[in-house]
Amino acid sequence: DIKKIKKELNLEIKEEKEEKVKFI
């Protein structure tokens, strides 16, 4: 659900690879 999570959290992204995201 990473796409939905990205929208939900609305945080700055440091790294992103497929279904894995590192947020600040």
PDBML (XML) file of the C-alpha atoms, coordinates in Angstrom:
<?xml version="1.0" encoding="UTF-8" ?>
<PDBx:datablock datablockName="MODEL"
   xmlns:PDBx="http://pdbml.pdb.org/schema/pdbx-v50.xsd"
   xmlns:xsi="http://www.w3.org/2001/XMLSchema-instance"
   xsi:schemaLocation="http://pdbml.pdb.org/schema/pdbx-v50.xsd pdbx-v50.xsd">
   <PDBx:atom_siteCategory>
      <PDBx:atom_site id="1">
         <PDBx:B_iso_or_equiv>0.00</PDBx:B_iso_or_equiv>
         <PDBx:Cartn_x>0.000</PDBx:Cartn_x>
         <PDBx:Cartn_y>0.000</PDBx:Cartn_y>
         <PDBx:Cartn_z>0.000</PDBx:Cartn_z>
         <PDBx:auth_asym_id>A</PDBx:auth_asym_id>
         <PDBx:auth_atom_id>CA</PDBx:auth_atom_id>
         <PDBx:auth_comp_id>ASP</PDBx:auth_comp_id>
         <PDBx:auth_seq_id>1</PDBx:auth_seq_id>
         <PDBx:group_PDB>ATOM</PDBx:group_PDB>
         <PDBx:label_alt_id xsi:nil="true" />
         <PDBx:label_asym_id>A</PDBx:label_asym_id>
         <PDBx:label_atom_id>CA</PDBx:label_atom_id>
         <PDBx:label_comp_id>ASP</PDBx:label_comp_id>
         <PDBx:label_entity_id>1</PDBx:label_entity_id>
         <PDBx:label_seq_id>1</PDBx:label_seq_id>
         <PDBx:occupancy>1.00</PDBx:occupancy>
         <PDBx:pdbx_PDB_model_num>1</PDBx:pdbx_PDB_model_num>
         <PDBx:type_symbol>C</PDBx:type_symbol>
      </PDBx:atom_site>
      <PDBx:atom_site id="2">
         <PDBx:B_iso_or_equiv>0.00</PDBx:B_iso_or_equiv>
         <PDBx:Cartn_x>3.020</PDBx:Cartn_x>
         <PDBx:Cartn_y>2.282</PDBx:Cartn_y>
         <PDBx:Cartn_z>-0.285</PDBx:Cartn_z>
         <PDBx:auth_asym_id>A</PDBx:auth_asym_id>
         <PDBx:auth_atom_id>CA</PDBx:auth_atom_id>
         <PDBx:auth_comp_id>ILE</PDBx:auth_comp_id>
         <PDBx:auth_seq_id>2</PDBx:auth_seq_id>
         <PDBx:group_PDB>ATOM</PDBx:group_PDB>
         <PDBx:label_alt_id xsi:nil="true" />
         <PDBx:label_asym_id>A</PDBx:label_asym_id>
         <PDBx:label_atom_id>CA</PDBx:label_atom_id>
         <PDBx:label_comp_id>ILE</PDBx:label_comp_id>
         <PDBx:label_entity_id>1</PDBx:label_entity_id>
         <PDBx:label_seq_id>2</PDBx:label_seq_id>
         <PDBx:occupancy>1.00</PDBx:occupancy>
         <PDBx:pdbx_PDB_model_num>1</PDBx:pdbx_PDB_model_num>
         <PDBx:type_symbol>C</PDBx:type_symbol>
      </PDBx:atom_site>
      <PDBx:atom_site id="3">
         <PDBx:B_iso_or_equiv>0.00</PDBx:B_iso_or_equiv>
         <PDBx:Cartn_x>1.350</PDBx:Cartn_x>
         <PDBx:Cartn_y>4.666</PDBx:Cartn_y>
         <PDBx:Cartn_z>-2.771</PDBx:Cartn_z>
         <PDBx:auth_asym_id>A</PDBx:auth_asym_id>
         <PDBx:auth_atom_id>CA</PDBx:auth_atom_id>
         <PDBx:auth_comp_id>LYS</PDBx:auth_comp_id>
         <PDBx:auth_seq_id>3</PDBx:auth_seq_id>
         <PDBx:group_PDB>ATOM</PDBx:group_PDB>
         <PDBx:label_alt_id xsi:nil="true" />
         <PDBx:label_asym_id>A</PDBx:label_asym_id>
         <PDBx:label_atom_id>CA</PDBx:label_atom_id>
         <PDBx:label_comp_id>LYS</PDBx:label_comp_id>
         <PDBx:label_entity_id>1</PDBx:label_entity_id>
         <PDBx:label_seq_id>3</PDBx:label_seq_id>
         <PDBx:occupancy>1.00</PDBx:occupancy>
         <PDBx:pdbx_PDB_model_num>1</PDBx:pdbx_PDB_model_num>
         <PDBx:type_symbol>C</PDBx:type_symbol>
      </PDBx:atom_site>
      <PDBx:atom_site id="4">
         <PDBx:B_iso_or_equiv>0.00</PDBx:B_iso_or_equiv>
         <PDBx:Cartn_x>-1.561</PDBx:Cartn_x>
         <PDBx:Cartn_y>5.211</PDBx:Cartn_y>
         <PDBx:Cartn_z>-0.393</PDBx:Cartn_z>
         <PDBx:auth_asym_id>A</PDBx:auth_asym_id>
         <PDBx:auth_atom_id>CA</PDBx:auth_atom_id>
         <PDBx:auth_comp_id>LYS</PDBx:auth_comp_id>
         <PDBx:auth_seq_id>4</PDBx:auth_seq_id>
         <PDBx:group_PDB>ATOM</PDBx:group_PDB>
         <PDBx:label_alt_id xsi:nil="true" />
         <PDBx:label_asym_id>A</PDBx:label_asym_id>
         <PDBx:label_atom_id>CA</PDBx:label_atom_id>
         <PDBx:label_comp_id>LYS</PDBx:label_comp_id>
         <PDBx:label_entity_id>1</PDBx:label_entity_id>
         <PDBx:label_seq_id>4</PDBx:label_seq_id>
         <PDBx:occupancy>1.00</PDBx:occupancy>
         <PDBx:pdbx_PDB_model_num>1</PDBx:pdbx_PDB_model_num>
         <PDBx:type_symbol>C</PDBx:type_symbol>
      </PDBx:atom_site>
      <PDBx:atom_site id="5">
         <PDBx:B_iso_or_equiv>0.00</PDBx:B_iso_or_equiv>
         <PDBx:Cartn_x>0.848</PDBx:Cartn_x>
         <PDBx:Cartn_y>5.549</PDBx:Cartn_y>
         <PDBx:Cartn_z>2.568</PDBx:Cartn_z>
         <PDBx:auth_asym_id>A</PDBx:auth_asym_id>
         <PDBx:auth_atom_id>CA</PDBx:auth_atom_id>
         <PDBx:auth_comp_id>ILE</PDBx:auth_comp_id>
         <PDBx:auth_seq_id>5</PDBx:auth_seq_id>
         <PDBx:group_PDB>ATOM</PDBx:group_PDB>
         <PDBx:label_alt_id xsi:nil="true" />
         <PDBx:label_asym_id>A</PDBx:label_asym_id>
         <PDBx:label_atom_id>CA</PDBx:label_atom_id>
         <PDBx:label_comp_id>ILE</PDBx:label_comp_id>
         <PDBx:label_entity_id>1</PDBx:label_entity_id>
         <PDBx:label_seq_id>5</PDBx:label_seq_id>
         <PDBx:occupancy>1.00</PDBx:occupancy>
         <PDBx:pdbx_PDB_model_num>1</PDBx:pdbx_PDB_model_num>
         <PDBx:type_symbol>C</PDBx:type_symbol>
      </PDBx:atom_site>
      <PDBx:atom_site id="6">
         <PDBx:B_iso_or_equiv>0.00</PDBx:B_iso_or_equiv>
         <PDBx:Cartn_x>2.859</PDBx:Cartn_x>
         <PDBx:Cartn_y>8.206</PDBx:Cartn_y>
         <PDBx:Cartn_z>0.760</PDBx:Cartn_z>
         <PDBx:auth_asym_id>A</PDBx:auth_asym_id>
         <PDBx:auth_atom_id>CA</PDBx:auth_atom_id>
         <PDBx:auth_comp_id>LYS</PDBx:auth_comp_id>
         <PDBx:auth_seq_id>6</PDBx:auth_seq_id>
         <PDBx:group_PDB>ATOM</PDBx:group_PDB>
         <PDBx:label_alt_id xsi:nil="true" />
         <PDBx:label_asym_id>A</PDBx:label_asym_id>
         <PDBx:label_atom_id>CA</PDBx:label_atom_id>
         <PDBx:label_comp_id>LYS</PDBx:label_comp_id>
         <PDBx:label_entity_id>1</PDBx:label_entity_id>
         <PDBx:label_seq_id>6</PDBx:label_seq_id>
         <PDBx:occupancy>1.00</PDBx:occupancy>
         <PDBx:pdbx_PDB_model_num>1</PDBx:pdbx_PDB_model_num>
         <PDBx:type_symbol>C</PDBx:type_symbol>
      </PDBx:atom_site>
      <PDBx:atom_site id="7">
         <PDBx:B_iso_or_equiv>0.00</PDBx:B_iso_or_equiv>
         <PDBx:Cartn_x>-0.288</PDBx:Cartn_x>
         <PDBx:Cartn_y>10.213</PDBx:Cartn_y>
         <PDBx:Cartn_z>0.193</PDBx:Cartn_z>
         <PDBx:auth_asym_id>A</PDBx:auth_asym_id>
         <PDBx:auth_atom_id>CA</PDBx:auth_atom_id>
         <PDBx:auth_comp_id>LYS</PDBx:auth_comp_id>
         <PDBx:auth_seq_id>7</PDBx:auth_seq_id>
         <PDBx:group_PDB>ATOM</PDBx:group_PDB>
         <PDBx:label_alt_id xsi:nil="true" />
         <PDBx:label_asym_id>A</PDBx:label_asym_id>
         <PDBx:label_atom_id>CA</PDBx:label_atom_id>
         <PDBx:label_comp_id>LYS</PDBx:label_comp_id>
         <PDBx:label_entity_id>1</PDBx:label_entity_id>
         <PDBx:label_seq_id>7</PDBx:label_seq_id>
         <PDBx:occupancy>1.00</PDBx:occupancy>
         <PDBx:pdbx_PDB_model_num>1</PDBx:pdbx_PDB_model_num>
         <PDBx:type_symbol>C</PDBx:type_symbol>
      </PDBx:atom_site>
      <PDBx:atom_site id="8">
         <PDBx:B_iso_or_equiv>0.00</PDBx:B_iso_or_equiv>
         <PDBx:Cartn_x>-1.522</PDBx:Cartn_x>
         <PDBx:Cartn_y>9.652</PDBx:Cartn_y>
         <PDBx:Cartn_z>3.753</PDBx:Cartn_z>
         <PDBx:auth_asym_id>A</PDBx:auth_asym_id>
         <PDBx:auth_atom_id>CA</PDBx:auth_atom_id>
         <PDBx:auth_comp_id>GLU</PDBx:auth_comp_id>
         <PDBx:auth_seq_id>8</PDBx:auth_seq_id>
         <PDBx:group_PDB>ATOM</PDBx:group_PDB>
         <PDBx:label_alt_id xsi:nil="true" />
         <PDBx:label_asym_id>A</PDBx:label_asym_id>
         <PDBx:label_atom_id>CA</PDBx:label_atom_id>
         <PDBx:label_comp_id>GLU</PDBx:label_comp_id>
         <PDBx:label_entity_id>1</PDBx:label_entity_id>
         <PDBx:label_seq_id>8</PDBx:label_seq_id>
         <PDBx:occupancy>1.00</PDBx:occupancy>
         <PDBx:pdbx_PDB_model_num>1</PDBx:pdbx_PDB_model_num>
         <PDBx:type_symbol>C</PDBx:type_symbol>
      </PDBx:atom_site>
      <PDBx:atom_site id="9">
         <PDBx:B_iso_or_equiv>0.00</PDBx:B_iso_or_equiv>
         <PDBx:Cartn_x>1.712</PDBx:Cartn_x>
         <PDBx:Cartn_y>10.678</PDBx:Cartn_y>
         <PDBx:Cartn_z>5.487</PDBx:Cartn_z>
         <PDBx:auth_asym_id>A</PDBx:auth_asym_id>
         <PDBx:auth_atom_id>CA</PDBx:auth_atom_id>
         <PDBx:auth_comp_id>LEU</PDBx:auth_comp_id>
         <PDBx:auth_seq_id>9</PDBx:auth_seq_id>
         <PDBx:group_PDB>ATOM</PDBx:group_PDB>
         <PDBx:label_alt_id xsi:nil="true" />
         <PDBx:label_asym_id>A</PDBx:label_asym_id>
         <PDBx:label_atom_id>CA</PDBx:label_atom_id>
         <PDBx:label_comp_id>LEU</PDBx:label_comp_id>
         <PDBx:label_entity_id>1</PDBx:label_entity_id>
         <PDBx:label_seq_id>9</PDBx:label_seq_id>
         <PDBx:occupancy>1.00</PDBx:occupancy>
         <PDBx:pdbx_PDB_model_num>1</PDBx:pdbx_PDB_model_num>
         <PDBx:type_symbol>C</PDBx:type_symbol>
      </PDBx:atom_site>
      <PDBx:atom_site id="10">
         <PDBx:B_iso_or_equiv>0.00</PDBx:B_iso_or_equiv>
         <PDBx:Cartn_x>2.642</PDBx:Cartn_x>
         <PDBx:Cartn_y>13.484</PDBx:Cartn_y>
         <PDBx:Cartn_z>3.087</PDBx:Cartn_z>
         <PDBx:auth_asym_id>A</PDBx:auth_asym_id>
         <PDBx:auth_atom_id>CA</PDBx:auth_atom_id>
         <PDBx:auth_comp_id>ASN</PDBx:auth_comp_id>
         <PDBx:auth_seq_id>10</PDBx:auth_seq_id>
         <PDBx:group_PDB>ATOM</PDBx:group_PDB>
         <PDBx:label_alt_id xsi:nil="true" />
         <PDBx:label_asym_id>A</PDBx:label_asym_id>
         <PDBx:label_atom_id>CA</PDBx:label_atom_id>
         <PDBx:label_comp_id>ASN</PDBx:label_comp_id>
         <PDBx:label_entity_id>1</PDBx:label_entity_id>
         <PDBx:label_seq_id>10</PDBx:label_seq_id>
         <PDBx:occupancy>1.00</PDBx:occupancy>
         <PDBx:pdbx_PDB_model_num>1</PDBx:pdbx_PDB_model_num>
         <PDBx:type_symbol>C</PDBx:type_symbol>
      </PDBx:atom_site>
      <PDBx:atom_site id="11">
         <PDBx:B_iso_or_equiv>0.00</PDBx:B_iso_or_equiv>
         <PDBx:Cartn_x>6.227</PDBx:Cartn_x>
         <PDBx:Cartn_y>13.413</PDBx:Cartn_y>
         <PDBx:Cartn_z>4.315</PDBx:Cartn_z>
         <PDBx:auth_asym_id>A</PDBx:auth_asym_id>
         <PDBx:auth_atom_id>CA</PDBx:auth_atom_id>
         <PDBx:auth_comp_id>LEU</PDBx:auth_comp_id>
         <PDBx:auth_seq_id>11</PDBx:auth_seq_id>
         <PDBx:group_PDB>ATOM</PDBx:group_PDB>
         <PDBx:label_alt_id xsi:nil="true" />
         <PDBx:label_asym_id>A</PDBx:label_asym_id>
         <PDBx:label_atom_id>CA</PDBx:label_atom_id>
         <PDBx:label_comp_id>LEU</PDBx:label_comp_id>
         <PDBx:label_entity_id>1</PDBx:label_entity_id>
         <PDBx:label_seq_id>11</PDBx:label_seq_id>
         <PDBx:occupancy>1.00</PDBx:occupancy>
         <PDBx:pdbx_PDB_model_num>1</PDBx:pdbx_PDB_model_num>
         <PDBx:type_symbol>C</PDBx:type_symbol>
      </PDBx:atom_site>
      <PDBx:atom_site id="12">
         <PDBx:B_iso_or_equiv>0.00</PDBx:B_iso_or_equiv>
         <PDBx:Cartn_x>9.449</PDBx:Cartn_x>
         <PDBx:Cartn_y>14.328</PDBx:Cartn_y>
         <PDBx:Cartn_z>2.551</PDBx:Cartn_z>
         <PDBx:auth_asym_id>A</PDBx:auth_asym_id>
         <PDBx:auth_atom_id>CA</PDBx:auth_atom_id>
         <PDBx:auth_comp_id>GLU</PDBx:auth_comp_id>
         <PDBx:auth_seq_id>12</PDBx:auth_seq_id>
         <PDBx:group_PDB>ATOM</PDBx:group_PDB>
         <PDBx:label_alt_id xsi:nil="true" />
         <PDBx:label_asym_id>A</PDBx:label_asym_id>
         <PDBx:label_atom_id>CA</PDBx:label_atom_id>
         <PDBx:label_comp_id>GLU</PDBx:label_comp_id>
         <PDBx:label_entity_id>1</PDBx:label_entity_id>
         <PDBx:label_seq_id>12</PDBx:label_seq_id>
         <PDBx:occupancy>1.00</PDBx:occupancy>
         <PDBx:pdbx_PDB_model_num>1</PDBx:pdbx_PDB_model_num>
         <PDBx:type_symbol>C</PDBx:type_symbol>
      </PDBx:atom_site>
      <PDBx:atom_site id="13">
         <PDBx:B_iso_or_equiv>0.00</PDBx:B_iso_or_equiv>
         <PDBx:Cartn_x>10.997</PDBx:Cartn_x>
         <PDBx:Cartn_y>11.264</PDBx:Cartn_y>
         <PDBx:Cartn_z>0.914</PDBx:Cartn_z>
         <PDBx:auth_asym_id>A</PDBx:auth_asym_id>
         <PDBx:auth_atom_id>CA</PDBx:auth_atom_id>
         <PDBx:auth_comp_id>ILE</PDBx:auth_comp_id>
         <PDBx:auth_seq_id>13</PDBx:auth_seq_id>
         <PDBx:group_PDB>ATOM</PDBx:group_PDB>
         <PDBx:label_alt_id xsi:nil="true" />
         <PDBx:label_asym_id>A</PDBx:label_asym_id>
         <PDBx:label_atom_id>CA</PDBx:label_atom_id>
         <PDBx:label_comp_id>ILE</PDBx:label_comp_id>
         <PDBx:label_entity_id>1</PDBx:label_entity_id>
         <PDBx:label_seq_id>13</PDBx:label_seq_id>
         <PDBx:occupancy>1.00</PDBx:occupancy>
         <PDBx:pdbx_PDB_model_num>1</PDBx:pdbx_PDB_model_num>
         <PDBx:type_symbol>C</PDBx:type_symbol>
      </PDBx:atom_site>
      <PDBx:atom_site id="14">
         <PDBx:B_iso_or_equiv>0.00</PDBx:B_iso_or_equiv>
         <PDBx:Cartn_x>14.723</PDBx:Cartn_x>
         <PDBx:Cartn_y>10.594</PDBx:Cartn_y>
         <PDBx:Cartn_z>1.286</PDBx:Cartn_z>
         <PDBx:auth_asym_id>A</PDBx:auth_asym_id>
         <PDBx:auth_atom_id>CA</PDBx:auth_atom_id>
         <PDBx:auth_comp_id>LYS</PDBx:auth_comp_id>
         <PDBx:auth_seq_id>14</PDBx:auth_seq_id>
         <PDBx:group_PDB>ATOM</PDBx:group_PDB>
         <PDBx:label_alt_id xsi:nil="true" />
         <PDBx:label_asym_id>A</PDBx:label_asym_id>
         <PDBx:label_atom_id>CA</PDBx:label_atom_id>
         <PDBx:label_comp_id>LYS</PDBx:label_comp_id>
         <PDBx:label_entity_id>1</PDBx:label_entity_id>
         <PDBx:label_seq_id>14</PDBx:label_seq_id>
         <PDBx:occupancy>1.00</PDBx:occupancy>
         <PDBx:pdbx_PDB_model_num>1</PDBx:pdbx_PDB_model_num>
         <PDBx:type_symbol>C</PDBx:type_symbol>
      </PDBx:atom_site>
      <PDBx:atom_site id="15">
         <PDBx:B_iso_or_equiv>0.00</PDBx:B_iso_or_equiv>
         <PDBx:Cartn_x>14.955</PDBx:Cartn_x>
         <PDBx:Cartn_y>7.314</PDBx:Cartn_y>
         <PDBx:Cartn_z>-0.656</PDBx:Cartn_z>
         <PDBx:auth_asym_id>A</PDBx:auth_asym_id>
         <PDBx:auth_atom_id>CA</PDBx:auth_atom_id>
         <PDBx:auth_comp_id>GLU</PDBx:auth_comp_id>
         <PDBx:auth_seq_id>15</PDBx:auth_seq_id>
         <PDBx:group_PDB>ATOM</PDBx:group_PDB>
         <PDBx:label_alt_id xsi:nil="true" />
         <PDBx:label_asym_id>A</PDBx:label_asym_id>
         <PDBx:label_atom_id>CA</PDBx:label_atom_id>
         <PDBx:label_comp_id>GLU</PDBx:label_comp_id>
         <PDBx:label_entity_id>1</PDBx:label_entity_id>
         <PDBx:label_seq_id>15</PDBx:label_seq_id>
         <PDBx:occupancy>1.00</PDBx:occupancy>
         <PDBx:pdbx_PDB_model_num>1</PDBx:pdbx_PDB_model_num>
         <PDBx:type_symbol>C</PDBx:type_symbol>
      </PDBx:atom_site>
      <PDBx:atom_site id="16">
         <PDBx:B_iso_or_equiv>0.00</PDBx:B_iso_or_equiv>
         <PDBx:Cartn_x>12.477</PDBx:Cartn_x>
         <PDBx:Cartn_y>5.269</PDBx:Cartn_y>
         <PDBx:Cartn_z>-2.696</PDBx:Cartn_z>
         <PDBx:auth_asym_id>A</PDBx:auth_asym_id>
         <PDBx:auth_atom_id>CA</PDBx:auth_atom_id>
         <PDBx:auth_comp_id>GLU</PDBx:auth_comp_id>
         <PDBx:auth_seq_id>16</PDBx:auth_seq_id>
         <PDBx:group_PDB>ATOM</PDBx:group_PDB>
         <PDBx:label_alt_id xsi:nil="true" />
         <PDBx:label_asym_id>A</PDBx:label_asym_id>
         <PDBx:label_atom_id>CA</PDBx:label_atom_id>
         <PDBx:label_comp_id>GLU</PDBx:label_comp_id>
         <PDBx:label_entity_id>1</PDBx:label_entity_id>
         <PDBx:label_seq_id>16</PDBx:label_seq_id>
         <PDBx:occupancy>1.00</PDBx:occupancy>
         <PDBx:pdbx_PDB_model_num>1</PDBx:pdbx_PDB_model_num>
         <PDBx:type_symbol>C</PDBx:type_symbol>
      </PDBx:atom_site>
      <PDBx:atom_site id="17">
         <PDBx:B_iso_or_equiv>0.00</PDBx:B_iso_or_equiv>
         <PDBx:Cartn_x>12.733</PDBx:Cartn_x>
         <PDBx:Cartn_y>1.864</PDBx:Cartn_y>
         <PDBx:Cartn_z>-4.341</PDBx:Cartn_z>
         <PDBx:auth_asym_id>A</PDBx:auth_asym_id>
         <PDBx:auth_atom_id>CA</PDBx:auth_atom_id>
         <PDBx:auth_comp_id>LYS</PDBx:auth_comp_id>
         <PDBx:auth_seq_id>17</PDBx:auth_seq_id>
         <PDBx:group_PDB>ATOM</PDBx:group_PDB>
         <PDBx:label_alt_id xsi:nil="true" />
         <PDBx:label_asym_id>A</PDBx:label_asym_id>
         <PDBx:label_atom_id>CA</PDBx:label_atom_id>
         <PDBx:label_comp_id>LYS</PDBx:label_comp_id>
         <PDBx:label_entity_id>1</PDBx:label_entity_id>
         <PDBx:label_seq_id>17</PDBx:label_seq_id>
         <PDBx:occupancy>1.00</PDBx:occupancy>
         <PDBx:pdbx_PDB_model_num>1</PDBx:pdbx_PDB_model_num>
         <PDBx:type_symbol>C</PDBx:type_symbol>
      </PDBx:atom_site>
      <PDBx:atom_site id="18">
         <PDBx:B_iso_or_equiv>0.00</PDBx:B_iso_or_equiv>
         <PDBx:Cartn_x>9.642</PDBx:Cartn_x>
         <PDBx:Cartn_y>0.040</PDBx:Cartn_y>
         <PDBx:Cartn_z>-5.598</PDBx:Cartn_z>
         <PDBx:auth_asym_id>A</PDBx:auth_asym_id>
         <PDBx:auth_atom_id>CA</PDBx:auth_atom_id>
         <PDBx:auth_comp_id>GLU</PDBx:auth_comp_id>
         <PDBx:auth_seq_id>18</PDBx:auth_seq_id>
         <PDBx:group_PDB>ATOM</PDBx:group_PDB>
         <PDBx:label_alt_id xsi:nil="true" />
         <PDBx:label_asym_id>A</PDBx:label_asym_id>
         <PDBx:label_atom_id>CA</PDBx:label_atom_id>
         <PDBx:label_comp_id>GLU</PDBx:label_comp_id>
         <PDBx:label_entity_id>1</PDBx:label_entity_id>
         <PDBx:label_seq_id>18</PDBx:label_seq_id>
         <PDBx:occupancy>1.00</PDBx:occupancy>
         <PDBx:pdbx_PDB_model_num>1</PDBx:pdbx_PDB_model_num>
         <PDBx:type_symbol>C</PDBx:type_symbol>
      </PDBx:atom_site>
      <PDBx:atom_site id="19">
         <PDBx:B_iso_or_equiv>0.00</PDBx:B_iso_or_equiv>
         <PDBx:Cartn_x>7.500</PDBx:Cartn_x>
         <PDBx:Cartn_y>-0.760</PDBx:Cartn_y>
         <PDBx:Cartn_z>-2.526</PDBx:Cartn_z>
         <PDBx:auth_asym_id>A</PDBx:auth_asym_id>
         <PDBx:auth_atom_id>CA</PDBx:auth_atom_id>
         <PDBx:auth_comp_id>GLU</PDBx:auth_comp_id>
         <PDBx:auth_seq_id>19</PDBx:auth_seq_id>
         <PDBx:group_PDB>ATOM</PDBx:group_PDB>
         <PDBx:label_alt_id xsi:nil="true" />
         <PDBx:label_asym_id>A</PDBx:label_asym_id>
         <PDBx:label_atom_id>CA</PDBx:label_atom_id>
         <PDBx:label_comp_id>GLU</PDBx:label_comp_id>
         <PDBx:label_entity_id>1</PDBx:label_entity_id>
         <PDBx:label_seq_id>19</PDBx:label_seq_id>
         <PDBx:occupancy>1.00</PDBx:occupancy>
         <PDBx:pdbx_PDB_model_num>1</PDBx:pdbx_PDB_model_num>
         <PDBx:type_symbol>C</PDBx:type_symbol>
      </PDBx:atom_site>
      <PDBx:atom_site id="20">
         <PDBx:B_iso_or_equiv>0.00</PDBx:B_iso_or_equiv>
         <PDBx:Cartn_x>10.057</PDBx:Cartn_x>
         <PDBx:Cartn_y>0.497</PDBx:Cartn_y>
         <PDBx:Cartn_z>0.007</PDBx:Cartn_z>
         <PDBx:auth_asym_id>A</PDBx:auth_asym_id>
         <PDBx:auth_atom_id>CA</PDBx:auth_atom_id>
         <PDBx:auth_comp_id>LYS</PDBx:auth_comp_id>
         <PDBx:auth_seq_id>20</PDBx:auth_seq_id>
         <PDBx:group_PDB>ATOM</PDBx:group_PDB>
         <PDBx:label_alt_id xsi:nil="true" />
         <PDBx:label_asym_id>A</PDBx:label_asym_id>
         <PDBx:label_atom_id>CA</PDBx:label_atom_id>
         <PDBx:label_comp_id>LYS</PDBx:label_comp_id>
         <PDBx:label_entity_id>1</PDBx:label_entity_id>
         <PDBx:label_seq_id>20</PDBx:label_seq_id>
         <PDBx:occupancy>1.00</PDBx:occupancy>
         <PDBx:pdbx_PDB_model_num>1</PDBx:pdbx_PDB_model_num>
         <PDBx:type_symbol>C</PDBx:type_symbol>
      </PDBx:atom_site>
      <PDBx:atom_site id="21">
         <PDBx:B_iso_or_equiv>0.00</PDBx:B_iso_or_equiv>
         <PDBx:Cartn_x>10.264</PDBx:Cartn_x>
         <PDBx:Cartn_y>4.181</PDBx:Cartn_y>
         <PDBx:Cartn_z>0.965</PDBx:Cartn_z>
         <PDBx:auth_asym_id>A</PDBx:auth_asym_id>
         <PDBx:auth_atom_id>CA</PDBx:auth_atom_id>
         <PDBx:auth_comp_id>VAL</PDBx:auth_comp_id>
         <PDBx:auth_seq_id>21</PDBx:auth_seq_id>
         <PDBx:group_PDB>ATOM</PDBx:group_PDB>
         <PDBx:label_alt_id xsi:nil="true" />
         <PDBx:label_asym_id>A</PDBx:label_asym_id>
         <PDBx:label_atom_id>CA</PDBx:label_atom_id>
         <PDBx:label_comp_id>VAL</PDBx:label_comp_id>
         <PDBx:label_entity_id>1</PDBx:label_entity_id>
         <PDBx:label_seq_id>21</PDBx:label_seq_id>
         <PDBx:occupancy>1.00</PDBx:occupancy>
         <PDBx:pdbx_PDB_model_num>1</PDBx:pdbx_PDB_model_num>
         <PDBx:type_symbol>C</PDBx:type_symbol>
      </PDBx:atom_site>
      <PDBx:atom_site id="22">
         <PDBx:B_iso_or_equiv>0.00</PDBx:B_iso_or_equiv>
         <PDBx:Cartn_x>12.457</PDBx:Cartn_x>
         <PDBx:Cartn_y>6.014</PDBx:Cartn_y>
         <PDBx:Cartn_z>3.457</PDBx:Cartn_z>
         <PDBx:auth_asym_id>A</PDBx:auth_asym_id>
         <PDBx:auth_atom_id>CA</PDBx:auth_atom_id>
         <PDBx:auth_comp_id>LYS</PDBx:auth_comp_id>
         <PDBx:auth_seq_id>22</PDBx:auth_seq_id>
         <PDBx:group_PDB>ATOM</PDBx:group_PDB>
         <PDBx:label_alt_id xsi:nil="true" />
         <PDBx:label_asym_id>A</PDBx:label_asym_id>
         <PDBx:label_atom_id>CA</PDBx:label_atom_id>
         <PDBx:label_comp_id>LYS</PDBx:label_comp_id>
         <PDBx:label_entity_id>1</PDBx:label_entity_id>
         <PDBx:label_seq_id>22</PDBx:label_seq_id>
         <PDBx:occupancy>1.00</PDBx:occupancy>
         <PDBx:pdbx_PDB_model_num>1</PDBx:pdbx_PDB_model_num>
         <PDBx:type_symbol>C</PDBx:type_symbol>
      </PDBx:atom_site>
      <PDBx:atom_site id="23">
         <PDBx:B_iso_or_equiv>0.00</PDBx:B_iso_or_equiv>
         <PDBx:Cartn_x>10.678</PDBx:Cartn_x>
         <PDBx:Cartn_y>9.112</PDBx:Cartn_y>
         <PDBx:Cartn_z>4.795</PDBx:Cartn_z>
         <PDBx:auth_asym_id>A</PDBx:auth_asym_id>
         <PDBx:auth_atom_id>CA</PDBx:auth_atom_id>
         <PDBx:auth_comp_id>PHE</PDBx:auth_comp_id>
         <PDBx:auth_seq_id>23</PDBx:auth_seq_id>
         <PDBx:group_PDB>ATOM</PDBx:group_PDB>
         <PDBx:label_alt_id xsi:nil="true" />
         <PDBx:label_asym_id>A</PDBx:label_asym_id>
         <PDBx:label_atom_id>CA</PDBx:label_atom_id>
         <PDBx:label_comp_id>PHE</PDBx:label_comp_id>
         <PDBx:label_entity_id>1</PDBx:label_entity_id>
         <PDBx:label_seq_id>23</PDBx:label_seq_id>
         <PDBx:occupancy>1.00</PDBx:occupancy>
         <PDBx:pdbx_PDB_model_num>1</PDBx:pdbx_PDB_model_num>
         <PDBx:type_symbol>C</PDBx:type_symbol>
      </PDBx:atom_site>
      <PDBx:atom_site id="24">
         <PDBx:B_iso_or_equiv>0.00</PDBx:B_iso_or_equiv>
         <PDBx:Cartn_x>11.965</PDBx:Cartn_x>
         <PDBx:Cartn_y>12.064</PDBx:Cartn_y>
         <PDBx:Cartn_z>6.791</PDBx:Cartn_z>
         <PDBx:auth_asym_id>A</PDBx:auth_asym_id>
         <PDBx:auth_atom_id>CA</PDBx:auth_atom_id>
         <PDBx:auth_comp_id>ILE</PDBx:auth_comp_id>
         <PDBx:auth_seq_id>24</PDBx:auth_seq_id>
         <PDBx:group_PDB>ATOM</PDBx:group_PDB>
         <PDBx:label_alt_id xsi:nil="true" />
         <PDBx:label_asym_id>A</PDBx:label_asym_id>
         <PDBx:label_atom_id>CA</PDBx:label_atom_id>
         <PDBx:label_comp_id>ILE</PDBx:label_comp_id>
         <PDBx:label_entity_id>1</PDBx:label_entity_id>
         <PDBx:label_seq_id>24</PDBx:label_seq_id>
         <PDBx:occupancy>1.00</PDBx:occupancy>
         <PDBx:pdbx_PDB_model_num>1</PDBx:pdbx_PDB_model_num>
         <PDBx:type_symbol>C</PDBx:type_symbol>
      </PDBx:atom_site>
   </PDBx:atom_siteCategory>
</PDBx:datablock>
